């Protein structure tokens, strides 16, 4: 690959324009996670950046567009990590455990963004370009899950009843994962959440029981999937992968250099 000669560094103004979306996303993520959607406004972001509103609107059409930008960062990260989990050396069902080994470390914050996106009003007010990008990567991530199910069917680990498809199994897994994790993330102070039992173990047991119900081999009484999860975390270097993909986000890599004011 050739390198362009005499390439000049960007001027301060052009560099600011390039990095500005990352600064905005960095501040927005902090507000959403720490305070909630009601506190995320264009005026609040402008105040944090010590600027007027127009520079923000040059990068994002609305606050909904900013939330969509955060969601795009997260879904690209999720898609990248799923691809990595699929390289895990194990059976098809063990690859599902490998995905669990990764997402257990990153879901809580990401779910807050995903839950905010559920009302149609959020998606309708975001730009078409960002909405299309989000839907594209959501589909890519889902298709990777379908591929694991198809692998299980091909090698005989999973036999589906007539009329059922790999996509239906992948959708069922998505529902139980998203539903359980959303409840844990959104309602941490419900009385039931305060009872003295291992909620993470209960969730994993329920998910495992569903896969057993599908007849996805090896069944949970035939294999130690907790050992698989620990092995996956080590072999895939889960924490390092998450850190690398997190640092690749504009809200992180540019967010580290937020100026005291912008023009």
Protein backbone atom coordinates (compact mmCIF):
# COMPACT_ATOMS: atom_id res chain seq x y z
CA UNK A 1 0.00 0.00 0.00
CA UNK A 2 1.48 3.33 -1.05
CA UNK A 3 1.60 6.28 1.28
CA UNK A 4 0.72 9.71 -0.04
CA UNK A 5 3.72 12.00 -0.15
CA UNK A 6 3.77 15.50 1.21
CA UNK A 7 0.59 14.90 3.20
CA UNK A 8 -0.07 17.87 5.42
CA UNK A 9 -1.47 17.69 8.92
CA UNK A 10 -5.00 18.99 9.29
CA UNK A 11 -5.43 22.59 10.31
CA UNK A 12 -6.74 23.14 13.85
CA UNK A 13 -10.17 24.01 12.45
CA UNK A 14 -10.40 20.93 10.24
CA UNK A 15 -9.16 18.76 13.09
CA UNK A 16 -11.84 20.18 15.33
CA UNK A 17 -14.53 19.43 12.72
CA UNK A 18 -13.25 15.87 12.41
CA UNK A 19 -13.22 15.23 16.14
CA UNK A 20 -16.33 17.17 17.13
CA UNK A 21 -18.82 14.28 16.70
CA UNK A 22 -16.71 12.20 19.06
CA UNK A 23 -16.70 14.95 21.68
CA UNK A 24 -20.48 15.26 21.43
CA UNK A 25 -21.01 11.51 21.70
CA UNK A 26 -18.65 11.28 24.66
CA UNK A 27 -20.60 13.87 26.62
CA UNK A 28 -23.95 12.43 25.55
CA UNK A 29 -23.02 8.91 26.68
CA UNK A 30 -21.99 10.19 30.08
CA UNK A 31 -25.27 12.10 30.51
CA UNK A 32 -27.39 9.14 29.38
CA UNK A 33 -25.69 6.58 31.58
CA UNK A 34 -25.37 8.74 34.68
CA UNK A 35 -28.50 10.89 34.53
CA UNK A 36 -30.92 9.54 31.91
CA UNK A 37 -32.48 10.57 28.61
CA UNK A 38 -34.55 13.41 30.09
CA UNK A 39 -31.34 15.29 30.91
CA UNK A 40 -29.85 14.92 27.42
CA UNK A 41 -30.54 18.13 25.52
CA UNK A 42 -28.72 20.09 22.87
CA UNK A 43 -28.43 23.00 25.29
CA UNK A 44 -26.86 20.77 27.93
CA UNK A 45 -24.28 19.42 25.48
CA UNK A 46 -23.53 22.93 24.23
CA UNK A 47 -22.97 24.03 27.81
CA UNK A 48 -20.61 21.13 28.49
CA UNK A 49 -18.66 21.96 25.30
CA UNK A 50 -18.78 25.69 26.01
CA UNK A 51 -20.16 26.44 22.57
CA UNK A 52 -23.36 27.57 20.86
CA UNK A 53 -25.93 25.16 19.38
CA UNK A 54 -25.02 25.48 15.64
CA UNK A 55 -21.73 23.51 15.84
CA UNK A 56 -23.66 20.60 17.37
CA UNK A 57 -26.30 20.70 14.65
CA UNK A 58 -23.52 20.56 12.05
CA UNK A 59 -22.80 17.03 13.27
CA UNK A 60 -26.20 15.81 14.47
CA UNK A 61 -29.72 16.74 13.39
CA UNK A 62 -31.26 16.30 16.83
CA UNK A 63 -30.70 14.75 20.24
CA UNK A 64 -32.36 11.60 18.86
CA UNK A 65 -29.70 11.60 16.17
CA UNK A 66 -27.04 11.71 18.91
CA UNK A 67 -28.59 8.71 20.68
CA UNK A 68 -28.61 6.92 17.34
CA UNK A 69 -24.91 7.71 16.95
CA UNK A 70 -24.20 6.07 20.31
CA UNK A 71 -26.27 3.04 19.35
CA UNK A 72 -24.33 2.70 16.09
CA UNK A 73 -21.05 2.70 18.01
CA UNK A 74 -22.37 -0.04 20.28
CA UNK A 75 -23.85 -2.27 17.58
CA UNK A 76 -20.63 -2.10 15.52
CA UNK A 77 -18.72 -3.11 18.63
CA UNK A 78 -21.19 -5.95 19.29
CA UNK A 79 -20.91 -7.20 15.69
CA UNK A 80 -17.10 -7.12 15.89
CA UNK A 81 -17.07 -9.08 19.15
CA UNK A 82 -19.55 -11.69 17.91
CA UNK A 83 -17.31 -12.30 14.91
CA UNK A 84 -14.42 -12.88 17.28
CA UNK A 85 -16.47 -15.19 19.51
CA UNK A 86 -17.30 -17.32 16.48
CA UNK A 87 -13.60 -18.17 16.11
CA UNK A 88 -13.63 -19.91 19.51
CA UNK A 89 -12.40 -23.49 19.25
CA UNK A 90 -15.41 -25.44 20.43
CA UNK A 91 -18.77 -26.87 19.49
CA UNK A 92 -21.55 -24.66 18.13
CA UNK A 93 -23.17 -24.42 21.56
CA UNK A 94 -19.81 -23.61 23.13
CA UNK A 95 -19.58 -20.66 20.72
CA UNK A 96 -22.81 -19.38 22.22
CA UNK A 97 -21.11 -19.63 25.62
CA UNK A 98 -18.15 -17.71 24.18
CA UNK A 99 -20.51 -14.90 23.20
CA UNK A 100 -21.85 -14.92 26.75
CA UNK A 101 -18.30 -14.70 28.10
CA UNK A 102 -17.84 -11.45 26.18
CA UNK A 103 -21.20 -9.76 26.62
CA UNK A 104 -21.45 -10.38 30.34
CA UNK A 105 -18.67 -7.79 30.61
CA UNK A 106 -20.26 -5.08 28.47
CA UNK A 107 -24.06 -5.32 28.49
CA UNK A 108 -25.25 -3.05 31.34
CA UNK A 109 -24.22 0.28 29.82
CA UNK A 110 -25.07 -0.74 26.27
CA UNK A 111 -28.54 -1.85 27.28
CA UNK A 112 -29.36 1.60 28.57
CA UNK A 113 -28.78 2.95 25.07
CA UNK A 114 -30.74 0.11 23.44
CA UNK A 115 -33.72 0.55 25.76
CA UNK A 116 -33.86 4.28 25.01
CA UNK A 117 -34.07 3.47 21.30
CA UNK A 118 -37.21 1.34 21.59
CA UNK A 119 -39.87 4.08 21.21
CA UNK A 120 -40.55 4.70 17.52
CA UNK A 121 -40.37 8.44 18.17
CA UNK A 122 -36.62 8.16 18.73
CA UNK A 123 -35.97 6.37 15.47
CA UNK A 124 -38.36 8.59 13.51
CA UNK A 125 -36.54 11.76 14.54
CA UNK A 126 -33.08 10.45 13.73
CA UNK A 127 -31.53 11.01 10.32
CA UNK A 128 -32.24 8.39 7.67
CA UNK A 129 -28.52 7.78 7.16
CA UNK A 130 -27.92 6.92 10.80
CA UNK A 131 -31.06 4.80 11.02
CA UNK A 132 -29.99 2.81 7.95
CA UNK A 133 -26.51 2.30 9.40
CA UNK A 134 -27.92 1.07 12.70
CA UNK A 135 -30.31 -1.36 11.02
CA UNK A 136 -27.54 -2.67 8.76
CA UNK A 137 -25.26 -3.58 11.66
CA UNK A 138 -28.15 -4.92 13.75
CA UNK A 139 -28.91 -7.27 10.86
CA UNK A 140 -25.23 -8.25 10.53
CA UNK A 141 -25.01 -9.09 14.23
CA UNK A 142 -28.23 -11.12 14.10
CA UNK A 143 -27.09 -12.99 10.99
CA UNK A 144 -23.94 -14.11 12.82
CA UNK A 145 -26.16 -15.67 15.47
CA UNK A 146 -28.17 -17.41 12.76
CA UNK A 147 -24.93 -18.75 11.30
CA UNK A 148 -24.00 -20.44 14.61
CA UNK A 149 -27.42 -22.13 14.71
CA UNK A 150 -27.00 -23.26 11.10
CA UNK A 151 -23.61 -24.73 12.02
CA UNK A 152 -25.25 -26.68 14.83
CA UNK A 153 -27.85 -28.05 12.41
CA UNK A 154 -25.23 -28.99 9.82
CA UNK A 155 -23.16 -31.09 12.26
CA UNK A 156 -26.18 -32.67 13.93
CA UNK A 157 -25.93 -30.85 17.28
CA UNK A 158 -29.41 -29.45 16.73
CA UNK A 159 -32.41 -31.01 14.99
CA UNK A 160 -35.34 -28.66 14.49
CA UNK A 161 -38.98 -29.70 14.15
CA UNK A 162 -40.56 -29.21 10.75
CA UNK A 163 -41.47 -25.60 10.12
CA UNK A 164 -38.84 -24.18 12.45
CA UNK A 165 -35.77 -22.31 11.16
CA UNK A 166 -32.33 -21.28 12.38
CA UNK A 167 -33.51 -17.65 12.43
CA UNK A 168 -36.32 -18.57 14.84
CA UNK A 169 -33.82 -20.13 17.26
CA UNK A 170 -31.52 -17.10 16.99
CA UNK A 171 -34.47 -14.81 17.64
CA UNK A 172 -35.47 -16.82 20.72
CA UNK A 173 -31.94 -16.48 22.11
CA UNK A 174 -31.98 -12.74 21.41
CA UNK A 175 -35.29 -12.34 23.23
CA UNK A 176 -34.23 -14.11 26.40
CA UNK A 177 -30.85 -12.37 26.45
CA UNK A 178 -32.20 -8.89 25.79
CA UNK A 179 -35.24 -9.36 28.01
CA UNK A 180 -33.37 -10.69 31.02
CA UNK A 181 -30.53 -8.22 30.75
CA UNK A 182 -32.93 -5.30 30.24
CA UNK A 183 -34.84 -6.21 33.38
CA UNK A 184 -31.59 -6.41 35.33
CA UNK A 185 -30.35 -3.11 33.94
CA UNK A 186 -33.57 -1.08 34.04
CA UNK A 187 -35.05 -2.24 37.35
CA UNK A 188 -32.08 -2.81 39.67
CA UNK A 189 -33.97 -1.63 42.76
CA UNK A 190 -37.13 -3.70 42.51
CA UNK A 191 -37.71 -5.72 45.72
CA UNK A 192 -37.23 -8.99 43.86
CA UNK A 193 -33.77 -7.79 42.80
CA UNK A 194 -32.78 -7.39 46.43
CA UNK A 195 -33.42 -10.98 47.42
CA UNK A 196 -30.45 -13.10 48.39
CA UNK A 197 -29.82 -15.28 45.34
CA UNK A 198 -27.40 -15.29 42.43
CA UNK A 199 -29.36 -13.47 39.72
CA UNK A 200 -26.64 -13.96 37.10
CA UNK A 201 -26.63 -17.71 37.73
CA UNK A 202 -30.44 -17.77 37.55
CA UNK A 203 -30.36 -16.00 34.18
CA UNK A 204 -27.71 -18.35 32.77
CA UNK A 205 -29.62 -21.37 34.06
CA UNK A 206 -32.78 -20.17 32.33
CA UNK A 207 -30.95 -19.56 29.03
CA UNK A 208 -29.29 -22.96 29.27
CA UNK A 209 -32.65 -24.62 29.98
CA UNK A 210 -34.03 -23.05 26.80
CA UNK A 211 -31.17 -24.45 24.71
CA UNK A 212 -31.67 -27.84 26.37
CA UNK A 213 -35.33 -27.57 25.41
CA UNK A 214 -34.29 -27.11 21.79
CA UNK A 215 -32.22 -30.28 22.17
CA UNK A 216 -29.02 -28.39 21.33
CA UNK A 217 -26.14 -30.74 22.14
CA UNK A 218 -24.14 -31.17 24.26
CA UNK A 219 -26.93 -30.72 26.81
CA UNK A 220 -26.12 -28.87 30.01
CA UNK A 221 -25.94 -32.06 32.09
CA UNK A 222 -23.44 -33.49 29.60
CA UNK A 223 -21.00 -30.58 29.56
CA UNK A 224 -19.65 -27.98 32.01
CA UNK A 225 -20.49 -24.72 30.25
CA UNK A 226 -19.25 -22.63 33.15
CA UNK A 227 -15.81 -24.03 32.38
CA UNK A 228 -16.34 -23.18 28.72
CA UNK A 229 -17.15 -19.57 29.59
CA UNK A 230 -14.00 -19.23 31.67
CA UNK A 231 -11.92 -20.83 28.94
CA UNK A 232 -13.42 -18.52 26.33
CA UNK A 233 -12.63 -15.45 28.42
CA UNK A 234 -9.02 -16.52 28.59
CA UNK A 235 -8.49 -17.82 25.05
CA UNK A 236 -10.36 -14.97 23.36
CA UNK A 237 -8.80 -12.40 25.71
CA UNK A 238 -12.30 -11.04 26.28
CA UNK A 239 -11.40 -8.05 28.43
CA UNK A 240 -8.65 -6.98 26.05
CA UNK A 241 -11.00 -7.29 23.07
CA UNK A 242 -13.66 -5.22 24.76
CA UNK A 243 -11.10 -2.56 25.69
CA UNK A 244 -9.76 -2.41 22.12
CA UNK A 245 -13.20 -2.09 20.52
CA UNK A 246 -14.24 0.44 23.16
CA UNK A 247 -11.20 2.58 22.41
CA UNK A 248 -11.98 2.44 18.69
CA UNK A 249 -15.25 4.33 19.20
CA UNK A 250 -15.18 8.02 18.21
CA UNK A 251 -16.77 8.88 21.56
CA UNK A 252 -13.78 7.31 23.29
CA UNK A 253 -10.75 8.02 21.11
CA UNK A 254 -11.75 11.64 20.41
CA UNK A 255 -13.51 12.05 23.74
CA UNK A 256 -10.16 11.92 25.51
CA UNK A 257 -9.18 15.26 23.96
CA UNK A 258 -12.30 17.34 24.51
CA UNK A 259 -11.29 21.04 24.47
CA UNK A 260 -12.46 23.64 26.95
CA UNK A 261 -14.47 25.29 24.17
CA UNK A 262 -15.20 24.91 20.47
CA UNK A 263 -16.16 27.34 17.75
